[in-house]
């Protein structure tokens, strides 16, 4: 779903907290928790994910905000 939607990619790129990704997912008819998102975040490496290229510590801090 995200790969084919540049508008959604831009929205994801701008989030500052994981709960914002959860809210975006819900608006698009998907249910995901912060915990589930964190569990798979290593596999989500496309450039639109806020943690792309940021490293492990940055991602841990990002999800620590939840």
C-alpha atoms as a PDB file:
ATOM      1  CA  UNK A   1       0.000   0.000   0.000  1.00  0.00           C
ATOM      2  CA  UNK A   2       2.702   2.523   0.982  1.00  0.00           C
ATOM      3  CA  UNK A   3       5.005   1.693  -1.932  1.00  0.00           C
ATOM      4  CA  UNK A   4       2.439   2.873  -4.469  1.00  0.00           C
ATOM      5  CA  UNK A   5       1.297   6.027  -2.674  1.00  0.00           C
ATOM      6  CA  UNK A   6       3.727   8.970  -2.810  1.00  0.00           C
ATOM      7  CA  UNK A   7       1.363  11.131  -0.742  1.00  0.00           C
ATOM      8  CA  UNK A   8       1.306   8.586   2.068  1.00  0.00           C
ATOM      9  CA  UNK A   9       5.078   8.229   1.845  1.00  0.00           C
ATOM     10  CA  UNK A  10       5.444  11.992   2.298  1.00  0.00           C
ATOM     11  CA  UNK A  11       3.141  11.890   5.318  1.00  0.00           C
ATOM     12  CA  UNK A  12       5.116   9.046   6.891  1.00  0.00           C
ATOM     13  CA  UNK A  13       8.391  10.857   6.267  1.00  0.00           C
ATOM     14  CA  UNK A  14       7.126  13.821   8.323  1.00  0.00           C
ATOM     15  CA  UNK A  15       6.010  11.999  11.480  1.00  0.00           C
ATOM     16  CA  UNK A  16       7.744  12.723  14.753  1.00  0.00           C
ATOM     17  CA  UNK A  17       6.212   9.986  16.895  1.00  0.00           C
ATOM     18  CA  UNK A  18       5.252   6.373  16.237  1.00  0.00           C
ATOM     19  CA  UNK A  19       1.639   7.023  17.251  1.00  0.00           C
ATOM     20  CA  UNK A  20       1.370   9.246  14.193  1.00  0.00           C
ATOM     21  CA  UNK A  21       2.185   6.257  11.968  1.00  0.00           C
ATOM     22  CA  UNK A  22      -0.465   4.228  13.801  1.00  0.00           C
ATOM     23  CA  UNK A  23      -2.992   6.999  13.146  1.00  0.00           C
ATOM     24  CA  UNK A  24      -2.064   7.143   9.456  1.00  0.00           C
ATOM     25  CA  UNK A  25      -2.485   3.387   9.200  1.00  0.00           C
ATOM     26  CA  UNK A  26      -5.920   3.579  10.811  1.00  0.00           C
ATOM     27  CA  UNK A  27      -6.997   6.326   8.390  1.00  0.00           C
ATOM     28  CA  UNK A  28      -6.102   3.958   5.564  1.00  0.00           C
ATOM     29  CA  UNK A  29      -7.966   1.006   7.035  1.00  0.00           C
ATOM     30  CA  UNK A  30      -5.001  -0.802   8.593  1.00  0.00           C
ATOM     31  CA  UNK A  31      -4.582  -1.726  12.219  1.00  0.00           C
ATOM     32  CA  UNK A  32      -1.077  -1.737  13.667  1.00  0.00           C
ATOM     33  CA  UNK A  33       0.242  -1.095  17.139  1.00  0.00           C
ATOM     34  CA  UNK A  34       3.355   0.816  18.083  1.00  0.00           C
ATOM     35  CA  UNK A  35       4.756  -2.420  19.480  1.00  0.00           C
ATOM     36  CA  UNK A  36       4.166  -4.294  16.219  1.00  0.00           C
ATOM     37  CA  UNK A  37       5.641  -1.442  14.205  1.00  0.00           C
ATOM     38  CA  UNK A  38       8.720  -1.370  16.402  1.00  0.00           C
ATOM     39  CA  UNK A  39       9.125  -5.145  16.058  1.00  0.00           C
ATOM     40  CA  UNK A  40       9.288  -4.929  12.252  1.00  0.00           C
ATOM     41  CA  UNK A  41      10.989  -1.537  11.942  1.00  0.00           C
ATOM     42  CA  UNK A  42      14.372  -3.074  11.059  1.00  0.00           C
ATOM     43  CA  UNK A  43      12.757  -4.551   7.970  1.00  0.00           C
ATOM     44  CA  UNK A  44      11.130  -1.256   6.984  1.00  0.00           C
ATOM     45  CA  UNK A  45      14.069   0.459   5.362  1.00  0.00           C
ATOM     46  CA  UNK A  46      12.531   2.404   2.472  1.00  0.00           C
ATOM     47  CA  UNK A  47      13.615   6.053   2.486  1.00  0.00           C
ATOM     48  CA  UNK A  48      10.206   7.350   3.577  1.00  0.00           C
ATOM     49  CA  UNK A  49      10.365   5.696   7.024  1.00  0.00           C
ATOM     50  CA  UNK A  50      11.489   8.297   9.574  1.00  0.00           C
ATOM     51  CA  UNK A  51      14.269   6.020  10.851  1.00  0.00           C
ATOM     52  CA  UNK A  52      15.713   5.235   7.413  1.00  0.00           C
ATOM     53  CA  UNK A  53      19.458   5.771   7.548  1.00  0.00           C
ATOM     54  CA  UNK A  54      19.348   6.963  11.160  1.00  0.00           C
ATOM     55  CA  UNK A  55      20.840   3.950  12.905  1.00  0.00           C
ATOM     56  CA  UNK A  56      19.780   1.678  15.727  1.00  0.00           C
ATOM     57  CA  UNK A  57      20.069   4.204  18.570  1.00  0.00           C
ATOM     58  CA  UNK A  58      17.965   6.779  16.748  1.00  0.00           C
ATOM     59  CA  UNK A  59      15.243   4.183  16.092  1.00  0.00           C
ATOM     60  CA  UNK A  60      15.264   3.160  19.761  1.00  0.00           C
ATOM     61  CA  UNK A  61      14.821   6.772  20.819  1.00  0.00           C
ATOM     62  CA  UNK A  62      12.053   7.254  18.253  1.00  0.00           C
ATOM     63  CA  UNK A  63      10.090   4.326  19.614  1.00  0.00           C
ATOM     64  CA  UNK A  64      10.859   5.343  23.180  1.00  0.00           C
ATOM     65  CA  UNK A  65       8.555   8.302  22.616  1.00  0.00           C
ATOM     66  CA  UNK A  66       5.500   6.067  22.427  1.00  0.00           C
END
